[in-house]
Amino acid sequence: MAKKQVKTPLDLLKKYAKIFKKSNFDMSLETVKSTFAHVYYIWRTLKPELPYEDALSLYGGVWDSVAEVSVASAKRILGIDEVKNIQQLGEIMQYCFTVVPCVYETVKSTPDEVIGHILWCANPCYGPADNIELRHDYYRQEAKLSVQYIRTVARLCGMEDKAFVDQDLFQCRDGSTDFCRIIIRKK
């Protein structure tokens, strides 16, 4: 019996690009726009309709679902059945951000600490451009959800008791940094 070939996100991109008669670049760009537009419009809809904590919880549930799918895909693609150390968690974290999609670079990887930088994210391109107060409000919530997302990734990898996971720099929220920083430290 022939071994089933694992499909990567790139394989799927190429498949759909061919179906829609688009270049890989154009298909990638449309996917990024669609993903982040949906994120923004979910927030835009929930914000006026629900109390802050309820909206944040519901919105966070969307990102928890993205984390579940991304972690499962990362484990399959990277060939990791069980996450045994923070360096493997760092590899999975990089994969999870890359497929969102973001440009993610691991800048440090030791047995005790993994640091990743998100060098580009589409999120700053969306969000309210016409009102600075709404913009700050949106990105304040996005920062909370980004931390929730990375902690969900750690939990799904079975590492919440073995690793301290945090984000201390946010490109869209802080305005004083050119990257977001994800920190994973051995407890």
N, C-alpha and C. Protein backbone atom coordinates (compact mmCIF):
# COMPACT_ATOMS: atom_id res chain seq x y z
N MET A 1 0.84 -1.18 0.00
CA MET A 1 0.00 0.00 0.00
C MET A 1 0.88 1.25 0.00
N ALA A 2 0.56 2.21 -0.83
CA ALA A 2 1.36 3.44 -0.95
C ALA A 2 1.16 4.31 0.29
N LYS A 3 2.26 4.92 0.73
CA LYS A 3 2.20 5.82 1.88
C LYS A 3 1.49 7.10 1.47
N LYS A 4 0.56 7.55 2.32
CA LYS A 4 -0.18 8.78 2.04
C LYS A 4 0.75 9.98 2.21
N GLN A 5 0.78 10.84 1.20
CA GLN A 5 1.63 12.02 1.24
C GLN A 5 0.98 13.10 2.11
N VAL A 6 1.76 13.67 3.02
CA VAL A 6 1.27 14.74 3.89
C VAL A 6 1.19 16.02 3.08
N LYS A 7 0.03 16.66 3.13
CA LYS A 7 -0.16 17.93 2.43
C LYS A 7 0.26 19.07 3.35
N THR A 8 1.07 19.95 2.84
CA THR A 8 1.50 21.12 3.60
C THR A 8 0.61 22.30 3.21
N PRO A 9 0.65 23.37 4.00
CA PRO A 9 -0.10 24.56 3.61
C PRO A 9 0.29 25.07 2.22
N LEU A 10 1.57 24.93 1.86
CA LEU A 10 2.01 25.36 0.53
C LEU A 10 1.37 24.50 -0.56
N ASP A 11 1.24 23.19 -0.32
CA ASP A 11 0.57 22.31 -1.29
C ASP A 11 -0.87 22.76 -1.52
N LEU A 12 -1.55 23.11 -0.43
CA LEU A 12 -2.94 23.55 -0.55
C LEU A 12 -3.03 24.89 -1.27
N LEU A 13 -2.11 25.79 -0.97
CA LEU A 13 -2.08 27.08 -1.65
C LEU A 13 -1.93 26.88 -3.15
N LYS A 14 -1.00 26.03 -3.54
CA LYS A 14 -0.77 25.77 -4.97
C LYS A 14 -2.01 25.15 -5.61
N LYS A 15 -2.66 24.24 -4.90
CA LYS A 15 -3.87 23.59 -5.42
C LYS A 15 -4.96 24.63 -5.70
N TYR A 16 -5.22 25.49 -4.71
CA TYR A 16 -6.28 26.48 -4.89
C TYR A 16 -5.90 27.58 -5.86
N ALA A 17 -4.63 27.92 -5.92
CA ALA A 17 -4.17 28.90 -6.91
C ALA A 17 -4.46 28.39 -8.32
N LYS A 18 -4.23 27.11 -8.52
CA LYS A 18 -4.49 26.51 -9.83
C LYS A 18 -5.99 26.50 -10.13
N ILE A 19 -6.80 26.13 -9.14
CA ILE A 19 -8.26 26.10 -9.32
C ILE A 19 -8.80 27.48 -9.69
N PHE A 20 -8.31 28.51 -8.98
CA PHE A 20 -8.81 29.87 -9.21
C PHE A 20 -8.03 30.62 -10.29
N LYS A 21 -7.09 29.92 -10.92
CA LYS A 21 -6.28 30.50 -12.00
C LYS A 21 -5.57 31.79 -11.55
N LYS A 22 -4.89 31.67 -10.41
CA LYS A 22 -4.14 32.80 -9.85
C LYS A 22 -2.70 32.35 -9.60
N SER A 23 -1.80 33.31 -9.51
CA SER A 23 -0.43 32.98 -9.15
C SER A 23 -0.39 32.64 -7.66
N ASN A 24 0.66 31.94 -7.25
CA ASN A 24 0.82 31.63 -5.82
C ASN A 24 0.88 32.92 -5.00
N PHE A 25 1.56 33.94 -5.53
CA PHE A 25 1.66 35.21 -4.83
C PHE A 25 0.28 35.85 -4.65
N ASP A 26 -0.49 35.93 -5.73
CA ASP A 26 -1.82 36.54 -5.65
C ASP A 26 -2.74 35.77 -4.72
N MET A 27 -2.65 34.44 -4.76
CA MET A 27 -3.48 33.63 -3.88
C MET A 27 -3.07 33.84 -2.43
N SER A 28 -1.77 33.93 -2.17
CA SER A 28 -1.28 34.19 -0.81
C SER A 28 -1.77 35.53 -0.31
N LEU A 29 -1.66 36.55 -1.14
CA LEU A 29 -2.08 37.89 -0.77
C LEU A 29 -3.58 37.93 -0.45
N GLU A 30 -4.40 37.29 -1.26
CA GLU A 30 -5.83 37.25 -1.01
C GLU A 30 -6.15 36.51 0.28
N THR A 31 -5.41 35.45 0.55
CA THR A 31 -5.62 34.69 1.79
C THR A 31 -5.29 35.54 3.00
N VAL A 32 -4.17 36.25 2.96
CA VAL A 32 -3.79 37.12 4.08
C VAL A 32 -4.85 38.21 4.28
N LYS A 33 -5.24 38.86 3.21
CA LYS A 33 -6.26 39.91 3.33
C LYS A 33 -7.55 39.36 3.92
N SER A 34 -7.97 38.22 3.45
CA SER A 34 -9.21 37.61 3.92
C SER A 34 -9.12 37.26 5.40
N THR A 35 -8.03 36.62 5.80
CA THR A 35 -7.87 36.22 7.20
C THR A 35 -7.93 37.41 8.13
N PHE A 36 -7.14 38.42 7.85
CA PHE A 36 -7.08 39.56 8.76
C PHE A 36 -8.31 40.45 8.66
N ALA A 37 -8.94 40.51 7.53
CA ALA A 37 -10.20 41.25 7.42
C ALA A 37 -11.26 40.57 8.28
N HIS A 38 -11.29 39.24 8.25
CA HIS A 38 -12.26 38.52 9.09
C HIS A 38 -11.99 38.77 10.57
N VAL A 39 -10.72 38.75 10.96
CA VAL A 39 -10.36 39.02 12.35
C VAL A 39 -10.88 40.40 12.76
N TYR A 40 -10.60 41.39 11.93
CA TYR A 40 -11.03 42.75 12.26
C TYR A 40 -12.55 42.85 12.29
N TYR A 41 -13.24 42.28 11.33
CA TYR A 41 -14.70 42.40 11.28
C TYR A 41 -15.38 41.63 12.41
N ILE A 42 -14.77 40.56 12.88
CA ILE A 42 -15.31 39.87 14.06
C ILE A 42 -15.25 40.83 15.24
N TRP A 43 -14.09 41.46 15.44
CA TRP A 43 -13.95 42.42 16.54
C TRP A 43 -14.94 43.57 16.37
N ARG A 44 -15.03 44.09 15.16
CA ARG A 44 -15.89 45.24 14.88
C ARG A 44 -17.36 44.93 15.17
N THR A 45 -17.76 43.68 14.95
CA THR A 45 -19.14 43.26 15.21
C THR A 45 -19.37 43.02 16.70
N LEU A 46 -18.44 42.35 17.35
CA LEU A 46 -18.63 42.00 18.75
C LEU A 46 -18.52 43.20 19.68
N LYS A 47 -17.65 44.12 19.37
CA LYS A 47 -17.35 45.25 20.25
C LYS A 47 -18.61 46.02 20.69
N PRO A 48 -19.45 46.45 19.77
CA PRO A 48 -20.61 47.22 20.22
C PRO A 48 -21.77 46.37 20.76
N GLU A 49 -21.74 45.07 20.51
CA GLU A 49 -22.88 44.23 20.85
C GLU A 49 -22.78 43.53 22.20
N LEU A 50 -21.57 43.33 22.68
CA LEU A 50 -21.39 42.56 23.91
C LEU A 50 -20.57 43.33 24.92
N PRO A 51 -20.73 43.01 26.20
CA PRO A 51 -19.82 43.59 27.19
C PRO A 51 -18.38 43.19 26.86
N TYR A 52 -17.43 44.04 27.24
CA TYR A 52 -16.03 43.86 26.87
C TYR A 52 -15.52 42.44 27.13
N GLU A 53 -15.67 41.94 28.34
CA GLU A 53 -15.12 40.62 28.69
C GLU A 53 -15.79 39.50 27.88
N ASP A 54 -17.09 39.61 27.63
CA ASP A 54 -17.79 38.59 26.84
C ASP A 54 -17.30 38.60 25.39
N ALA A 55 -17.15 39.80 24.83
CA ALA A 55 -16.67 39.91 23.45
C ALA A 55 -15.25 39.37 23.34
N LEU A 56 -14.40 39.71 24.31
CA LEU A 56 -13.02 39.25 24.29
C LEU A 56 -12.95 37.73 24.42
N SER A 57 -13.79 37.16 25.26
CA SER A 57 -13.83 35.71 25.43
C SER A 57 -14.28 35.00 24.16
N LEU A 58 -15.32 35.51 23.53
CA LEU A 58 -15.83 34.90 22.30
C LEU A 58 -14.80 35.05 21.17
N TYR A 59 -14.23 36.22 21.06
CA TYR A 59 -13.21 36.49 20.05
C TYR A 59 -11.97 35.62 20.30
N GLY A 60 -11.61 35.49 21.58
CA GLY A 60 -10.48 34.63 21.94
C GLY A 60 -10.73 33.18 21.57
N GLY A 61 -11.99 32.75 21.63
CA GLY A 61 -12.34 31.38 21.23
C GLY A 61 -12.04 31.11 19.77
N VAL A 62 -12.17 32.14 18.94
CA VAL A 62 -11.82 32.00 17.52
C VAL A 62 -10.33 31.71 17.40
N TRP A 63 -9.50 32.46 18.14
CA TRP A 63 -8.05 32.26 18.09
C TRP A 63 -7.63 30.95 18.75
N ASP A 64 -8.37 30.50 19.77
CA ASP A 64 -8.08 29.19 20.34
C ASP A 64 -8.29 28.09 19.30
N SER A 65 -9.33 28.25 18.49
CA SER A 65 -9.59 27.28 17.42
C SER A 65 -8.50 27.31 16.36
N VAL A 66 -8.02 28.51 16.02
CA VAL A 66 -6.91 28.63 15.07
C VAL A 66 -5.68 27.93 15.65
N ALA A 67 -5.43 28.10 16.94
CA ALA A 67 -4.28 27.45 17.59
C ALA A 67 -4.42 25.93 17.53
N GLU A 68 -5.61 25.40 17.77
CA GLU A 68 -5.81 23.95 17.72
C GLU A 68 -5.45 23.38 16.35
N VAL A 69 -5.97 24.01 15.32
CA VAL A 69 -5.70 23.55 13.96
C VAL A 69 -4.22 23.70 13.63
N SER A 70 -3.63 24.82 14.00
CA SER A 70 -2.22 25.09 13.69
C SER A 70 -1.28 24.13 14.42
N VAL A 71 -1.54 23.86 15.70
CA VAL A 71 -0.69 22.94 16.46
C VAL A 71 -0.78 21.54 15.88
N ALA A 72 -1.98 21.09 15.57
CA ALA A 72 -2.14 19.75 14.98
C ALA A 72 -1.38 19.65 13.66
N SER A 73 -1.50 20.68 12.84
CA SER A 73 -0.79 20.71 11.56
C SER A 73 0.72 20.75 11.78
N ALA A 74 1.18 21.58 12.71
CA ALA A 74 2.62 21.70 12.99
C ALA A 74 3.19 20.36 13.43
N LYS A 75 2.51 19.69 14.33
CA LYS A 75 3.01 18.38 14.81
C LYS A 75 3.11 17.40 13.65
N ARG A 76 2.10 17.39 12.81
CA ARG A 76 2.11 16.46 11.67
C ARG A 76 3.23 16.80 10.70
N ILE A 77 3.35 18.06 10.32
CA ILE A 77 4.36 18.49 9.34
C ILE A 77 5.78 18.35 9.90
N LEU A 78 5.96 18.70 11.18
CA LEU A 78 7.28 18.64 11.79
C LEU A 78 7.64 17.25 12.31
N GLY A 79 6.67 16.33 12.29
CA GLY A 79 6.92 14.97 12.76
C GLY A 79 7.13 14.88 14.26
N ILE A 80 6.41 15.70 15.02
CA ILE A 80 6.53 15.70 16.48
C ILE A 80 5.26 15.10 17.06
N ASP A 81 5.39 13.93 17.68
CA ASP A 81 4.23 13.30 18.31
C ASP A 81 3.96 13.90 19.69
N GLU A 82 5.04 14.04 20.46
CA GLU A 82 4.95 14.58 21.81
C GLU A 82 6.01 15.66 21.98
N VAL A 83 5.60 16.83 22.43
CA VAL A 83 6.54 17.94 22.64
C VAL A 83 7.29 17.68 23.94
N LYS A 84 8.61 17.54 23.83
CA LYS A 84 9.42 17.14 24.98
C LYS A 84 10.26 18.26 25.57
N ASN A 85 10.42 19.37 24.85
CA ASN A 85 11.27 20.45 25.36
C ASN A 85 10.85 21.78 24.74
N ILE A 86 11.42 22.87 25.27
CA ILE A 86 11.00 24.19 24.79
C ILE A 86 11.48 24.47 23.37
N GLN A 87 12.54 23.82 22.94
CA GLN A 87 12.99 24.03 21.56
C GLN A 87 11.97 23.47 20.57
N GLN A 88 11.37 22.33 20.88
CA GLN A 88 10.30 21.80 20.03
C GLN A 88 9.09 22.72 20.10
N LEU A 89 8.78 23.23 21.29
CA LEU A 89 7.68 24.19 21.42
C LEU A 89 7.98 25.42 20.57
N GLY A 90 9.23 25.87 20.55
CA GLY A 90 9.63 27.01 19.73
C GLY A 90 9.43 26.74 18.24
N GLU A 91 9.74 25.52 17.79
CA GLU A 91 9.52 25.16 16.39
C GLU A 91 8.04 25.19 16.05
N ILE A 92 7.22 24.67 16.96
CA ILE A 92 5.77 24.67 16.73
C ILE A 92 5.23 26.09 16.75
N MET A 93 5.73 26.92 17.66
CA MET A 93 5.29 28.32 17.74
C MET A 93 5.60 29.03 16.43
N GLN A 94 6.81 28.82 15.91
CA GLN A 94 7.19 29.46 14.64
C GLN A 94 6.25 29.00 13.53
N TYR A 95 5.98 27.71 13.47
CA TYR A 95 5.06 27.18 12.44
C TYR A 95 3.68 27.85 12.59
N CYS A 96 3.18 27.90 13.83
CA CYS A 96 1.83 28.45 14.05
C CYS A 96 1.72 29.90 13.61
N PHE A 97 2.76 30.69 13.81
CA PHE A 97 2.72 32.08 13.36
C PHE A 97 2.94 32.19 11.86
N THR A 98 3.76 31.32 11.32
CA THR A 98 4.04 31.38 9.88
C THR A 98 2.80 31.07 9.06
N VAL A 99 1.95 30.15 9.53
CA VAL A 99 0.75 29.81 8.76
C VAL A 99 -0.40 30.77 8.99
N VAL A 100 -0.27 31.71 9.95
CA VAL A 100 -1.38 32.65 10.22
C VAL A 100 -1.68 33.59 9.05
N PRO A 101 -0.85 34.20 8.33
CA PRO A 101 0.59 34.14 8.18
C PRO A 101 1.28 35.37 8.75
N CYS A 102 2.46 35.15 9.28
CA CYS A 102 3.36 36.20 9.73
C CYS A 102 4.77 35.81 9.29
N VAL A 103 5.66 36.78 9.26
CA VAL A 103 7.07 36.47 9.05
C VAL A 103 7.66 36.35 10.45
N TYR A 104 8.06 35.12 10.80
CA TYR A 104 8.52 34.80 12.14
C TYR A 104 9.93 34.26 12.07
N GLU A 105 10.80 34.79 12.90
CA GLU A 105 12.19 34.35 12.93
C GLU A 105 12.57 33.98 14.36
N THR A 106 13.12 32.78 14.51
CA THR A 106 13.65 32.40 15.82
C THR A 106 15.03 33.01 15.94
N VAL A 107 15.22 33.90 16.92
CA VAL A 107 16.49 34.60 17.06
C VAL A 107 17.37 34.00 18.14
N LYS A 108 16.80 33.16 18.99
CA LYS A 108 17.57 32.47 20.02
C LYS A 108 16.89 31.14 20.30
N SER A 109 17.68 30.08 20.37
CA SER A 109 17.13 28.77 20.70
C SER A 109 18.17 27.98 21.49
N THR A 110 17.96 27.92 22.81
CA THR A 110 18.81 27.13 23.70
C THR A 110 17.89 26.19 24.48
N PRO A 111 18.45 25.23 25.20
CA PRO A 111 17.60 24.36 26.00
C PRO A 111 16.79 25.09 27.08
N ASP A 112 17.21 26.30 27.44
CA ASP A 112 16.52 27.06 28.50
C ASP A 112 15.66 28.21 28.01
N GLU A 113 15.89 28.68 26.76
CA GLU A 113 15.14 29.84 26.29
C GLU A 113 15.06 29.86 24.76
N VAL A 114 13.87 30.18 24.29
CA VAL A 114 13.64 30.37 22.86
C VAL A 114 12.98 31.73 22.69
N ILE A 115 13.55 32.54 21.81
CA ILE A 115 13.01 33.87 21.53
C ILE A 115 12.67 33.93 20.04
N GLY A 116 11.46 34.37 19.75
CA GLY A 116 11.05 34.54 18.37
C GLY A 116 10.62 35.97 18.11
N HIS A 117 10.91 36.46 16.92
CA HIS A 117 10.47 37.80 16.52
C HIS A 117 9.49 37.67 15.36
N ILE A 118 8.37 38.34 15.48
CA ILE A 118 7.44 38.46 14.37
C ILE A 118 7.84 39.75 13.66
N LEU A 119 8.42 39.59 12.49
CA LEU A 119 8.97 40.73 11.76
C LEU A 119 7.91 41.42 10.90
N TRP A 120 6.88 40.67 10.52
CA TRP A 120 5.79 41.24 9.74
C TRP A 120 4.50 40.49 10.07
N CYS A 121 3.46 41.26 10.24
CA CYS A 121 2.12 40.74 10.50
C CYS A 121 1.15 41.64 9.75
N ALA A 122 0.14 41.05 9.17
CA ALA A 122 -0.82 41.86 8.41
C ALA A 122 -1.73 42.68 9.31
N ASN A 123 -1.81 42.35 10.58
CA ASN A 123 -2.77 43.00 11.47
C ASN A 123 -2.67 44.52 11.49
N PRO A 124 -1.48 45.12 11.54
CA PRO A 124 -1.45 46.59 11.54
C PRO A 124 -2.07 47.24 10.30
N CYS A 125 -2.24 46.47 9.24
CA CYS A 125 -2.84 47.00 8.01
C CYS A 125 -4.37 47.10 8.12
N TYR A 126 -4.93 46.37 9.07
CA TYR A 126 -6.39 46.37 9.22
C TYR A 126 -6.73 47.19 10.45
N GLY A 127 -7.72 46.97 11.15
CA GLY A 127 -8.01 47.81 12.29
C GLY A 127 -8.45 49.20 11.86
N PRO A 128 -9.02 49.96 12.77
CA PRO A 128 -9.58 51.27 12.45
C PRO A 128 -8.49 52.29 12.12
N ALA A 129 -8.47 52.76 10.90
CA ALA A 129 -7.45 53.72 10.47
C ALA A 129 -7.88 55.16 10.71
N ASP A 130 -9.17 55.38 10.84
CA ASP A 130 -9.68 56.76 10.87
C ASP A 130 -9.84 57.34 12.27
N ASN A 131 -9.68 56.52 13.30
CA ASN A 131 -9.92 57.01 14.65
C ASN A 131 -8.85 56.42 15.57
N ILE A 132 -7.97 57.25 16.08
CA ILE A 132 -6.83 56.79 16.88
C ILE A 132 -7.30 56.11 18.16
N GLU A 133 -8.38 56.59 18.76
CA GLU A 133 -8.88 55.98 19.99
C GLU A 133 -9.35 54.55 19.73
N LEU A 134 -10.10 54.35 18.65
CA LEU A 134 -10.54 52.99 18.30
C LEU A 134 -9.35 52.11 17.93
N ARG A 135 -8.39 52.71 17.27
CA ARG A 135 -7.19 51.95 16.86
C ARG A 135 -6.44 51.44 18.10
N HIS A 136 -6.23 52.30 19.08
CA HIS A 136 -5.55 51.88 20.31
C HIS A 136 -6.37 50.81 21.03
N ASP A 137 -7.67 50.98 21.07
CA ASP A 137 -8.55 50.01 21.72
C ASP A 137 -8.46 48.64 21.03
N TYR A 138 -8.51 48.66 19.71
CA TYR A 138 -8.43 47.41 18.94
C TYR A 138 -7.11 46.69 19.20
N TYR A 139 -6.01 47.40 19.12
CA TYR A 139 -4.70 46.76 19.28
C TYR A 139 -4.41 46.37 20.73
N ARG A 140 -5.01 47.06 21.69
CA ARG A 140 -4.89 46.64 23.08
C ARG A 140 -5.51 45.25 23.25
N GLN A 141 -6.67 45.06 22.62
CA GLN A 141 -7.32 43.75 22.68
C GLN A 141 -6.55 42.71 21.89
N GLU A 142 -6.01 43.10 20.73
CA GLU A 142 -5.22 42.17 19.93
C GLU A 142 -4.00 41.69 20.71
N ALA A 143 -3.38 42.58 21.48
CA ALA A 143 -2.22 42.20 22.30
C ALA A 143 -2.62 41.15 23.32
N LYS A 144 -3.74 41.34 24.00
CA LYS A 144 -4.23 40.34 24.97
C LYS A 144 -4.46 39.01 24.29
N LEU A 145 -5.06 39.05 23.11
CA LEU A 145 -5.37 37.81 22.41
C LEU A 145 -4.13 37.13 21.85
N SER A 146 -3.12 37.90 21.51
CA SER A 146 -1.87 37.31 21.05
C SER A 146 -1.23 36.51 22.19
N VAL A 147 -1.23 37.07 23.40
CA VAL A 147 -0.70 36.36 24.56
C VAL A 147 -1.55 35.12 24.83
N GLN A 148 -2.86 35.25 24.72
CA GLN A 148 -3.73 34.08 24.90
C GLN A 148 -3.40 33.01 23.86
N TYR A 149 -3.19 33.41 22.62
CA TYR A 149 -2.87 32.48 21.53
C TYR A 149 -1.59 31.70 21.83
N ILE A 150 -0.51 32.38 22.23
CA ILE A 150 0.75 31.67 22.47
C ILE A 150 0.64 30.75 23.69
N ARG A 151 -0.13 31.16 24.68
CA ARG A 151 -0.32 30.29 25.85
C ARG A 151 -1.20 29.10 25.51
N THR A 152 -2.14 29.29 24.60
CA THR A 152 -2.95 28.15 24.14
C THR A 152 -2.08 27.18 23.36
N VAL A 153 -1.19 27.69 22.53
CA VAL A 153 -0.25 26.81 21.81
C VAL A 153 0.55 25.99 22.81
N ALA A 154 1.08 26.63 23.84
CA ALA A 154 1.87 25.92 24.86
C ALA A 154 1.01 24.86 25.56
N ARG A 155 -0.22 25.20 25.91
CA ARG A 155 -1.11 24.26 26.58
C ARG A 155 -1.41 23.06 25.69
N LEU A 156 -1.71 23.33 24.41
CA LEU A 156 -2.01 22.25 23.47
C LEU A 156 -0.81 21.34 23.24
N CYS A 157 0.37 21.86 23.48
CA CYS A 157 1.61 21.07 23.35
C CYS A 157 1.97 20.37 24.67
N GLY A 158 1.13 20.56 25.69
CA GLY A 158 1.40 19.94 26.99
C GLY A 158 2.57 20.57 27.73
N MET A 159 2.85 21.83 27.45
CA MET A 159 4.03 22.50 28.02
C MET A 159 3.70 23.61 29.01
N GLU A 160 2.41 23.80 29.36
CA GLU A 160 2.08 24.94 30.22
C GLU A 160 2.72 24.86 31.60
N ASP A 161 3.04 23.66 32.09
CA ASP A 161 3.71 23.54 33.39
C ASP A 161 5.22 23.48 33.27
N LYS A 162 5.73 23.39 32.04
CA LYS A 162 7.16 23.25 31.83
C LYS A 162 7.81 24.49 31.23
N ALA A 163 6.96 25.39 30.70
CA ALA A 163 7.49 26.56 30.00
C ALA A 163 6.73 27.83 30.40
N PHE A 164 7.49 28.90 30.59
CA PHE A 164 6.91 30.24 30.74
C PHE A 164 6.83 30.81 29.33
N VAL A 165 5.63 31.19 28.91
CA VAL A 165 5.42 31.71 27.55
C VAL A 165 4.80 33.09 27.67
N ASP A 166 5.41 34.08 27.01
CA ASP A 166 4.88 35.44 27.09
C ASP A 166 5.27 36.22 25.83
N GLN A 167 4.63 37.34 25.68
CA GLN A 167 4.96 38.28 24.61
C GLN A 167 5.12 39.64 25.27
N ASP A 168 6.27 40.27 25.06
CA ASP A 168 6.51 41.55 25.73
C ASP A 168 6.59 42.74 24.78
N LEU A 169 6.67 42.50 23.49
CA LEU A 169 6.67 43.59 22.51
C LEU A 169 5.59 43.31 21.47
N PHE A 170 4.87 44.37 21.10
CA PHE A 170 3.78 44.26 20.14
C PHE A 170 3.93 45.36 19.11
N GLN A 171 4.19 44.98 17.89
CA GLN A 171 4.43 45.94 16.82
C GLN A 171 3.24 46.90 16.64
N CYS A 172 2.03 46.38 16.62
CA CYS A 172 0.88 47.23 16.34
C CYS A 172 0.45 48.04 17.57
N ARG A 173 0.70 47.55 18.77
CA ARG A 173 0.26 48.25 19.96
C ARG A 173 1.28 49.26 20.45
N ASP A 174 2.54 48.89 20.46
CA ASP A 174 3.55 49.72 21.10
C ASP A 174 3.99 50.90 20.25
N GLY A 175 4.09 50.72 18.95
CA GLY A 175 4.50 51.80 18.08
C GLY A 175 5.97 52.17 18.19
N SER A 176 6.69 51.53 19.10
CA SER A 176 8.10 51.86 19.28
C SER A 176 9.01 50.68 18.96
N THR A 177 8.47 49.68 18.31
CA THR A 177 9.25 48.50 17.98
C THR A 177 8.94 48.06 16.55
N ASP A 178 9.91 47.44 15.93
CA ASP A 178 9.73 46.96 14.56
C ASP A 178 9.34 45.49 14.51
N PHE A 179 9.13 44.88 15.67
CA PHE A 179 8.78 43.47 15.71
C PHE A 179 8.00 43.16 16.99
N CYS A 180 7.33 42.03 16.96
CA CYS A 180 6.72 41.48 18.18
C CYS A 180 7.70 40.44 18.72
N ARG A 181 7.76 40.29 20.04
CA ARG A 181 8.70 39.33 20.61
C ARG A 181 7.97 38.28 21.43
N ILE A 182 8.21 37.02 21.07
CA ILE A 182 7.65 35.89 21.81
C ILE A 182 8.79 35.27 22.62
N ILE A 183 8.52 35.06 23.91
CA ILE A 183 9.53 34.52 24.82
C ILE A 183 9.03 33.17 25.35
N ILE A 184 9.88 32.16 25.25
CA ILE A 184 9.59 30.85 25.82
C ILE A 184 10.78 30.50 26.70
N ARG A 185 10.53 30.31 28.00
CA ARG A 185 11.60 29.96 28.93
C ARG A 185 11.24 28.69 29.68
N LYS A 186 12.24 27.89 29.93
CA LYS A 186 12.06 26.69 30.72
C LYS A 186 11.75 27.09 32.15
N LYS A 187 10.72 26.46 32.75
CA LYS A 187 10.39 26.75 34.16
C LYS A 187 11.33 26.00 35.08
